[in-house]
């Protein structure tokens, strides 16, 4: 799961201009509440995740599974790839 988290962190840092020394940016920070990703960026982020990890989101996933942090997103990706969800 660490490789998934690393991919997500790197993508977010590069595409949403998060400074490498930002003390608030970590695997558990709420990416939307803290302003790292806005509503427009969330669509781009979703497409990145789907293409990078060869998974698909369902409408139910987006409303029922918490995916607000790097850790939550990585857990979702790992479970989806294993067919657990």
PDB file of N, CA and C in Angstrom:
ATOM      1  N   UNK A   1       0.822  -1.189   0.000  1.00  0.00           N
ATOM      2  CA  UNK A   1       0.000   0.000   0.000  1.00  0.00           C
ATOM      3  C   UNK A   1       0.870   1.259   0.000  1.00  0.00           C
ATOM      4  N   UNK A   2       2.087   1.166   0.499  1.00  0.00           N
ATOM      5  CA  UNK A   2       2.957   2.346   0.534  1.00  0.00           C
ATOM      6  C   UNK A   2       3.250   2.870  -0.871  1.00  0.00           C
ATOM      7  N   UNK A   3       3.383   1.974  -1.848  1.00  0.00           N
ATOM      8  CA  UNK A   3       3.636   2.413  -3.224  1.00  0.00           C
ATOM      9  C   UNK A   3       2.447   3.203  -3.763  1.00  0.00           C
ATOM     10  N   UNK A   4       1.247   2.780  -3.421  1.00  0.00           N
ATOM     11  CA  UNK A   4       0.046   3.495  -3.860  1.00  0.00           C
ATOM     12  C   UNK A   4       0.015   4.884  -3.221  1.00  0.00           C
ATOM     13  N   UNK A   5       0.268   4.937  -1.923  1.00  0.00           N
ATOM     14  CA  UNK A   5       0.282   6.233  -1.231  1.00  0.00           C
ATOM     15  C   UNK A   5       1.315   7.169  -1.846  1.00  0.00           C
ATOM     16  N   UNK A   6       2.481   6.634  -2.158  1.00  0.00           N
ATOM     17  CA  UNK A   6       3.537   7.447  -2.744  1.00  0.00           C
ATOM     18  C   UNK A   6       3.108   8.010  -4.097  1.00  0.00           C
ATOM     19  N   UNK A   7       2.488   7.193  -4.925  1.00  0.00           N
ATOM     20  CA  UNK A   7       1.986   7.658  -6.227  1.00  0.00           C
ATOM     21  C   UNK A   7       0.965   8.777  -6.043  1.00  0.00           C
ATOM     22  N   UNK A   8       0.051   8.580  -5.094  1.00  0.00           N
ATOM     23  CA  UNK A   8      -0.985   9.592  -4.840  1.00  0.00           C
ATOM     24  C   UNK A   8      -0.368  10.891  -4.331  1.00  0.00           C
ATOM     25  N   UNK A   9       0.534  10.789  -3.361  1.00  0.00           N
ATOM     26  CA  UNK A   9       1.194  11.992  -2.819  1.00  0.00           C
ATOM     27  C   UNK A   9       1.929  12.749  -3.912  1.00  0.00           C
ATOM     28  N   UNK A  10       2.692  12.021  -4.720  1.00  0.00           N
ATOM     29  CA  UNK A  10       3.457  12.670  -5.786  1.00  0.00           C
ATOM     30  C   UNK A  10       2.542  13.368  -6.779  1.00  0.00           C
ATOM     31  N   UNK A  11       1.465  12.708  -7.161  1.00  0.00           N
ATOM     32  CA  UNK A  11       0.523  13.312  -8.106  1.00  0.00           C
ATOM     33  C   UNK A  11      -0.078  14.592  -7.519  1.00  0.00           C
ATOM     34  N   UNK A  12      -0.506  14.515  -6.276  1.00  0.00           N
ATOM     35  CA  UNK A  12      -1.128  15.676  -5.633  1.00  0.00           C
ATOM     36  C   UNK A  12      -0.119  16.814  -5.522  1.00  0.00           C
ATOM     37  N   UNK A  13       1.085  16.520  -5.085  1.00  0.00           N
ATOM     38  CA  UNK A  13       2.111  17.573  -4.962  1.00  0.00           C
ATOM     39  C   UNK A  13       2.374  18.252  -6.305  1.00  0.00           C
ATOM     40  N   UNK A  14       2.501  17.460  -7.358  1.00  0.00           N
ATOM     41  CA  UNK A  14       2.829  18.009  -8.672  1.00  0.00           C
ATOM     42  C   UNK A  14       1.667  18.751  -9.325  1.00  0.00           C
ATOM     43  N   UNK A  15       0.459  18.240  -9.185  1.00  0.00           N
ATOM     44  CA  UNK A  15      -0.675  18.805  -9.916  1.00  0.00           C
ATOM     45  C   UNK A  15      -1.473  19.843  -9.145  1.00  0.00           C
ATOM     46  N   UNK A  16      -1.309  19.883  -7.840  1.00  0.00           N
ATOM     47  CA  UNK A  16      -2.062  20.849  -7.041  1.00  0.00           C
ATOM     48  C   UNK A  16      -1.134  21.778  -6.268  1.00  0.00           C
ATOM     49  N   UNK A  17       0.114  21.824  -6.711  1.00  0.00           N
ATOM     50  CA  UNK A  17       1.110  22.765  -6.189  1.00  0.00           C
ATOM     51  C   UNK A  17       1.234  22.740  -4.663  1.00  0.00           C
ATOM     52  N   UNK A  18       1.462  21.550  -4.140  1.00  0.00           N
ATOM     53  CA  UNK A  18       1.690  21.401  -2.709  1.00  0.00           C
ATOM     54  C   UNK A  18       3.192  21.417  -2.475  1.00  0.00           C
ATOM     55  N   UNK A  19       3.627  22.324  -1.665  1.00  0.00           N
ATOM     56  CA  UNK A  19       5.053  22.474  -1.372  1.00  0.00           C
ATOM     57  C   UNK A  19       5.590  21.216  -0.683  1.00  0.00           C
ATOM     58  N   UNK A  20       6.793  20.802  -1.028  1.00  0.00           N
ATOM     59  CA  UNK A  20       7.386  19.623  -0.387  1.00  0.00           C
ATOM     60  C   UNK A  20       7.544  19.781   1.127  1.00  0.00           C
ATOM     61  N   UNK A  21       7.606  21.007   1.605  1.00  0.00           N
ATOM     62  CA  UNK A  21       7.777  21.214   3.041  1.00  0.00           C
ATOM     63  C   UNK A  21       6.484  21.672   3.736  1.00  0.00           C
ATOM     64  N   UNK A  22       5.350  21.457   3.098  1.00  0.00           N
ATOM     65  CA  UNK A  22       4.055  21.803   3.705  1.00  0.00           C
ATOM     66  C   UNK A  22       3.841  20.914   4.927  1.00  0.00           C
ATOM     67  N   UNK A  23       3.811  21.493   6.125  1.00  0.00           N
ATOM     68  CA  UNK A  23       3.695  20.681   7.345  1.00  0.00           C
ATOM     69  C   UNK A  23       2.325  20.026   7.534  1.00  0.00           C
ATOM     70  N   UNK A  24       1.309  20.517   6.848  1.00  0.00           N
ATOM     71  CA  UNK A  24      -0.038  19.973   7.006  1.00  0.00           C
ATOM     72  C   UNK A  24      -0.345  18.828   6.044  1.00  0.00           C
ATOM     73  N   UNK A  25       0.461  18.703   4.993  1.00  0.00           N
ATOM     74  CA  UNK A  25       0.184  17.675   3.990  1.00  0.00           C
ATOM     75  C   UNK A  25       0.745  16.337   4.450  1.00  0.00           C
ATOM     76  N   UNK A  26      -0.161  15.406   4.734  1.00  0.00           N
ATOM     77  CA  UNK A  26       0.227  14.060   5.139  1.00  0.00           C
ATOM     78  C   UNK A  26      -0.840  13.087   4.641  1.00  0.00           C
ATOM     79  N   UNK A  27      -0.659  11.821   4.917  1.00  0.00           N
ATOM     80  CA  UNK A  27      -1.562  10.802   4.392  1.00  0.00           C
ATOM     81  C   UNK A  27      -2.968  10.855   4.976  1.00  0.00           C
ATOM     82  N   UNK A  28      -3.123  11.537   6.111  1.00  0.00           N
ATOM     83  CA  UNK A  28      -4.426  11.550   6.778  1.00  0.00           C
ATOM     84  C   UNK A  28      -5.171  12.877   6.676  1.00  0.00           C
ATOM     85  N   UNK A  29      -4.564  13.894   6.083  1.00  0.00           N
ATOM     86  CA  UNK A  29      -5.228  15.187   5.985  1.00  0.00           C
ATOM     87  C   UNK A  29      -6.402  15.099   4.997  1.00  0.00           C
ATOM     88  N   UNK A  30      -7.489  15.765   5.332  1.00  0.00           N
ATOM     89  CA  UNK A  30      -8.667  15.809   4.452  1.00  0.00           C
ATOM     90  C   UNK A  30      -8.313  16.716   3.271  1.00  0.00           C
ATOM     91  N   UNK A  31      -8.149  16.120   2.110  1.00  0.00           N
ATOM     92  CA  UNK A  31      -7.657  16.836   0.931  1.00  0.00           C
ATOM     93  C   UNK A  31      -8.589  17.947   0.467  1.00  0.00           C
ATOM     94  N   UNK A  32      -9.868  17.792   0.716  1.00  0.00           N
ATOM     95  CA  UNK A  32     -10.860  18.763   0.244  1.00  0.00           C
ATOM     96  C   UNK A  32     -11.112  19.849   1.293  1.00  0.00           C
ATOM     97  N   UNK A  33     -11.265  19.455   2.543  1.00  0.00           N
ATOM     98  CA  UNK A  33     -11.496  20.439   3.603  1.00  0.00           C
ATOM     99  C   UNK A  33     -10.306  21.377   3.778  1.00  0.00           C
ATOM    100  N   UNK A  34      -9.102  20.863   3.565  1.00  0.00           N
ATOM    101  CA  UNK A  34      -7.905  21.681   3.730  1.00  0.00           C
ATOM    102  C   UNK A  34      -7.497  22.407   2.456  1.00  0.00           C
ATOM    103  N   UNK A  35      -8.277  22.235   1.394  1.00  0.00           N
ATOM    104  CA  UNK A  35      -8.069  22.996   0.176  1.00  0.00           C
ATOM    105  C   UNK A  35      -6.972  22.497  -0.752  1.00  0.00           C
ATOM    106  N   UNK A  36      -6.504  21.290  -0.536  1.00  0.00           N
ATOM    107  CA  UNK A  36      -5.483  20.762  -1.449  1.00  0.00           C
ATOM    108  C   UNK A  36      -6.090  20.443  -2.815  1.00  0.00           C
ATOM    109  N   UNK A  37      -7.314  19.945  -2.810  1.00  0.00           N
ATOM    110  CA  UNK A  37      -8.008  19.635  -4.060  1.00  0.00           C
ATOM    111  C   UNK A  37      -9.385  20.283  -4.008  1.00  0.00           C
ATOM    112  N   UNK A  38      -9.753  21.002  -5.076  1.00  0.00           N
ATOM    113  CA  UNK A  38     -11.087  21.607  -5.130  1.00  0.00           C
ATOM    114  C   UNK A  38     -12.002  20.739  -5.994  1.00  0.00           C
ATOM    115  N   UNK A  39     -13.210  21.207  -6.222  1.00  0.00           N
ATOM    116  CA  UNK A  39     -14.189  20.398  -6.961  1.00  0.00           C
ATOM    117  C   UNK A  39     -13.747  20.116  -8.388  1.00  0.00           C
ATOM    118  N   UNK A  40     -13.094  21.065  -9.023  1.00  0.00           N
ATOM    119  CA  UNK A  40     -12.598  20.832 -10.384  1.00  0.00           C
ATOM    120  C   UNK A  40     -11.440  19.834 -10.360  1.00  0.00           C
ATOM    121  N   UNK A  41     -10.579  19.985  -9.385  1.00  0.00           N
ATOM    122  CA  UNK A  41      -9.441  19.084  -9.250  1.00  0.00           C
ATOM    123  C   UNK A  41      -9.849  17.669  -8.909  1.00  0.00           C
ATOM    124  N   UNK A  42     -10.994  17.513  -8.239  1.00  0.00           N
ATOM    125  CA  UNK A  42     -11.429  16.176  -7.855  1.00  0.00           C
ATOM    126  C   UNK A  42     -11.760  15.323  -9.079  1.00  0.00           C
ATOM    127  N   UNK A  43     -12.269  15.938 -10.123  1.00  0.00           N
ATOM    128  CA  UNK A  43     -12.572  15.206 -11.354  1.00  0.00           C
ATOM    129  C   UNK A  43     -11.267  14.734 -11.996  1.00  0.00           C
ATOM    130  N   UNK A  44     -10.297  15.626 -12.072  1.00  0.00           N
ATOM    131  CA  UNK A  44      -8.994  15.283 -12.630  1.00  0.00           C
ATOM    132  C   UNK A  44      -8.336  14.174 -11.796  1.00  0.00           C
ATOM    133  N   UNK A  45      -8.432  14.277 -10.479  1.00  0.00           N
ATOM    134  CA  UNK A  45      -7.843  13.284  -9.582  1.00  0.00           C
ATOM    135  C   UNK A  45      -8.496  11.918  -9.790  1.00  0.00           C
ATOM    136  N   UNK A  46      -9.817  11.899  -9.934  1.00  0.00           N
ATOM    137  CA  UNK A  46     -10.550  10.655 -10.182  1.00  0.00           C
ATOM    138  C   UNK A  46     -10.062   9.992 -11.469  1.00  0.00           C
ATOM    139  N   UNK A  47      -9.910  10.761 -12.528  1.00  0.00           N
ATOM    140  CA  UNK A  47      -9.422  10.206 -13.800  1.00  0.00           C
ATOM    141  C   UNK A  47      -8.001   9.667 -13.660  1.00  0.00           C
ATOM    142  N   UNK A  48      -7.162  10.385 -12.928  1.00  0.00           N
ATOM    143  CA  UNK A  48      -5.798   9.902 -12.694  1.00  0.00           C
ATOM    144  C   UNK A  48      -5.822   8.546 -11.989  1.00  0.00           C
ATOM    145  N   UNK A  49      -6.588   8.460 -10.915  1.00  0.00           N
ATOM    146  CA  UNK A  49      -6.640   7.217 -10.136  1.00  0.00           C
ATOM    147  C   UNK A  49      -7.150   6.066 -10.996  1.00  0.00           C
ATOM    148  N   UNK A  50      -8.213   6.302 -11.753  1.00  0.00           N
ATOM    149  CA  UNK A  50      -8.761   5.244 -12.601  1.00  0.00           C
ATOM    150  C   UNK A  50      -7.747   4.772 -13.634  1.00  0.00           C
ATOM    151  N   UNK A  51      -7.049   5.695 -14.266  1.00  0.00           N
ATOM    152  CA  UNK A  51      -6.107   5.292 -15.318  1.00  0.00           C
ATOM    153  C   UNK A  51      -4.819   4.708 -14.737  1.00  0.00           C
ATOM    154  N   UNK A  52      -4.298   5.288 -13.683  1.00  0.00           N
ATOM    155  CA  UNK A  52      -3.030   4.828 -13.094  1.00  0.00           C
ATOM    156  C   UNK A  52      -3.162   3.441 -12.476  1.00  0.00           C
ATOM    157  N   UNK A  53      -4.280   3.190 -11.817  1.00  0.00           N
ATOM    158  CA  UNK A  53      -4.426   1.945 -11.070  1.00  0.00           C
ATOM    159  C   UNK A  53      -5.386   0.956 -11.735  1.00  0.00           C
ATOM    160  N   UNK A  54      -5.843   1.285 -12.929  1.00  0.00           N
ATOM    161  CA  UNK A  54      -6.730   0.403 -13.710  1.00  0.00           C
ATOM    162  C   UNK A  54      -7.946  -0.055 -12.906  1.00  0.00           C
ATOM    163  N   UNK A  55      -8.615   0.910 -12.308  1.00  0.00           N
ATOM    164  CA  UNK A  55      -9.849   0.633 -11.570  1.00  0.00           C
ATOM    165  C   UNK A  55     -10.926   1.579 -12.070  1.00  0.00           C
ATOM    166  N   UNK A  56     -12.152   1.306 -11.679  1.00  0.00           N
ATOM    167  CA  UNK A  56     -13.277   2.183 -11.999  1.00  0.00           C
ATOM    168  C   UNK A  56     -14.029   2.507 -10.718  1.00  0.00           C
ATOM    169  N   UNK A  57     -14.491   3.728 -10.630  1.00  0.00           N
ATOM    170  CA  UNK A  57     -15.363   4.141  -9.534  1.00  0.00           C
ATOM    171  C   UNK A  57     -16.804   3.938  -9.969  1.00  0.00           C
ATOM    172  N   UNK A  58     -17.641   3.507  -9.059  1.00  0.00           N
ATOM    173  CA  UNK A  58     -19.074   3.464  -9.317  1.00  0.00           C
ATOM    174  C   UNK A  58     -19.697   4.678  -8.644  1.00  0.00           C
ATOM    175  N   UNK A  59     -20.891   5.069  -9.052  1.00  0.00           N
ATOM    176  CA  UNK A  59     -21.552   6.169  -8.348  1.00  0.00           C
ATOM    177  C   UNK A  59     -21.701   5.885  -6.849  1.00  0.00           C
ATOM    178  N   UNK A  60     -21.955   4.629  -6.501  1.00  0.00           N
ATOM    179  CA  UNK A  60     -22.094   4.267  -5.085  1.00  0.00           C
ATOM    180  C   UNK A  60     -20.775   4.460  -4.335  1.00  0.00           C
ATOM    181  N   UNK A  61     -19.663   4.144  -4.975  1.00  0.00           N
ATOM    182  CA  UNK A  61     -18.352   4.338  -4.333  1.00  0.00           C
ATOM    183  C   UNK A  61     -18.184   5.789  -3.904  1.00  0.00           C
ATOM    184  N   UNK A  62     -18.544   6.679  -4.795  1.00  0.00           N
ATOM    185  CA  UNK A  62     -18.306   8.100  -4.563  1.00  0.00           C
ATOM    186  C   UNK A  62     -19.178   8.683  -3.463  1.00  0.00           C
ATOM    187  N   UNK A  63     -20.257   7.996  -3.137  1.00  0.00           N
ATOM    188  CA  UNK A  63     -21.145   8.520  -2.092  1.00  0.00           C
ATOM    189  C   UNK A  63     -21.090   7.727  -0.790  1.00  0.00           C
ATOM    190  N   UNK A  64     -20.557   6.511  -0.825  1.00  0.00           N
ATOM    191  CA  UNK A  64     -20.600   5.686   0.385  1.00  0.00           C
ATOM    192  C   UNK A  64     -19.239   5.341   0.981  1.00  0.00           C
ATOM    193  N   UNK A  65     -18.170   5.476   0.217  1.00  0.00           N
ATOM    194  CA  UNK A  65     -16.847   5.092   0.710  1.00  0.00           C
ATOM    195  C   UNK A  65     -16.013   6.347   0.944  1.00  0.00           C
ATOM    196  N   UNK A  66     -15.515   6.526   2.156  1.00  0.00           N
ATOM    197  CA  UNK A  66     -14.681   7.700   2.416  1.00  0.00           C
ATOM    198  C   UNK A  66     -13.387   7.642   1.604  1.00  0.00           C
ATOM    199  N   UNK A  67     -13.159   8.676   0.820  1.00  0.00           N
ATOM    200  CA  UNK A  67     -11.940   8.782   0.012  1.00  0.00           C
ATOM    201  C   UNK A  67     -11.434  10.216   0.066  1.00  0.00           C
ATOM    202  N   UNK A  68     -11.288  10.734   1.272  1.00  0.00           N
ATOM    203  CA  UNK A  68     -10.944  12.138   1.455  1.00  0.00           C
ATOM    204  C   UNK A  68      -9.476  12.385   1.759  1.00  0.00           C
ATOM    205  N   UNK A  69      -8.719  11.332   1.973  1.00  0.00           N
ATOM    206  CA  UNK A  69      -7.301  11.475   2.290  1.00  0.00           C
ATOM    207  C   UNK A  69      -6.497  10.502   1.441  1.00  0.00           C
ATOM    208  N   UNK A  70      -5.209  10.686   1.428  1.00  0.00           N
ATOM    209  CA  UNK A  70      -4.337   9.758   0.705  1.00  0.00           C
ATOM    210  C   UNK A  70      -4.507   8.354   1.269  1.00  0.00           C
ATOM    211  N   UNK A  71      -4.548   8.230   2.590  1.00  0.00           N
ATOM    212  CA  UNK A  71      -4.683   6.916   3.224  1.00  0.00           C
ATOM    213  C   UNK A  71      -6.003   6.240   2.846  1.00  0.00           C
ATOM    214  N   UNK A  72      -7.097   6.998   2.883  1.00  0.00           N
ATOM    215  CA  UNK A  72      -8.400   6.424   2.526  1.00  0.00           C
ATOM    216  C   UNK A  72      -8.444   6.025   1.057  1.00  0.00           C
ATOM    217  N   UNK A  73      -7.896   6.857   0.193  1.00  0.00           N
ATOM    218  CA  UNK A  73      -7.894   6.552  -1.235  1.00  0.00           C
ATOM    219  C   UNK A  73      -7.030   5.315  -1.517  1.00  0.00           C
ATOM    220  N   UNK A  74      -5.881   5.231  -0.878  1.00  0.00           N
ATOM    221  CA  UNK A  74      -5.001   4.074  -1.077  1.00  0.00           C
ATOM    222  C   UNK A  74      -5.679   2.790  -0.614  1.00  0.00           C
ATOM    223  N   UNK A  75      -6.385   2.850   0.513  1.00  0.00           N
ATOM    224  CA  UNK A  75      -7.098   1.672   1.007  1.00  0.00           C
ATOM    225  C   UNK A  75      -8.189   1.249   0.023  1.00  0.00           C
ATOM    226  N   UNK A  76      -8.910   2.227  -0.525  1.00  0.00           N
ATOM    227  CA  UNK A  76      -9.936   1.921  -1.518  1.00  0.00           C
ATOM    228  C   UNK A  76      -9.312   1.262  -2.747  1.00  0.00           C
ATOM    229  N   UNK A  77      -8.236   1.834  -3.254  1.00  0.00           N
ATOM    230  CA  UNK A  77      -7.586   1.302  -4.454  1.00  0.00           C
ATOM    231  C   UNK A  77      -7.135  -0.137  -4.208  1.00  0.00           C
ATOM    232  N   UNK A  78      -6.505  -0.368  -3.082  1.00  0.00           N
ATOM    233  CA  UNK A  78      -6.009  -1.710  -2.774  1.00  0.00           C
ATOM    234  C   UNK A  78      -7.158  -2.719  -2.702  1.00  0.00           C
ATOM    235  N   UNK A  79      -8.232  -2.359  -2.027  1.00  0.00           N
ATOM    236  CA  UNK A  79      -9.385  -3.270  -1.913  1.00  0.00           C
ATOM    237  C   UNK A  79     -10.051  -3.488  -3.271  1.00  0.00           C
ATOM    238  N   UNK A  80     -10.167  -2.453  -4.079  1.00  0.00           N
ATOM    239  CA  UNK A  80     -10.790  -2.583  -5.383  1.00  0.00           C
ATOM    240  C   UNK A  80      -9.950  -3.502  -6.283  1.00  0.00           C
ATOM    241  N   UNK A  81      -8.641  -3.337  -6.235  1.00  0.00           N
ATOM    242  CA  UNK A  81      -7.764  -4.164  -7.063  1.00  0.00           C
ATOM    243  C   UNK A  81      -7.826  -5.638  -6.632  1.00  0.00           C
ATOM    244  N   UNK A  82      -8.062  -5.890  -5.349  1.00  0.00           N
ATOM    245  CA  UNK A  82      -8.172  -7.260  -4.846  1.00  0.00           C
ATOM    246  C   UNK A  82      -9.578  -7.833  -5.040  1.00  0.00           C
ATOM    247  N   UNK A  83     -10.501  -6.980  -5.474  1.00  0.00           N
ATOM    248  CA  UNK A  83     -11.887  -7.422  -5.660  1.00  0.00           C
ATOM    249  C   UNK A  83     -12.679  -7.509  -4.373  1.00  0.00           C
ATOM    250  N   UNK A  84     -12.182  -6.858  -3.337  1.00  0.00           N
ATOM    251  CA  UNK A  84     -12.867  -6.891  -2.044  1.00  0.00           C
ATOM    252  C   UNK A  84     -14.053  -5.927  -1.991  1.00  0.00           C
ATOM    253  N   UNK A  85     -14.048  -4.938  -2.856  1.00  0.00           N
ATOM    254  CA  UNK A  85     -15.173  -3.988  -2.944  1.00  0.00           C
ATOM    255  C   UNK A  85     -15.460  -3.712  -4.403  1.00  0.00           C
TER     256      UNK A  85
END
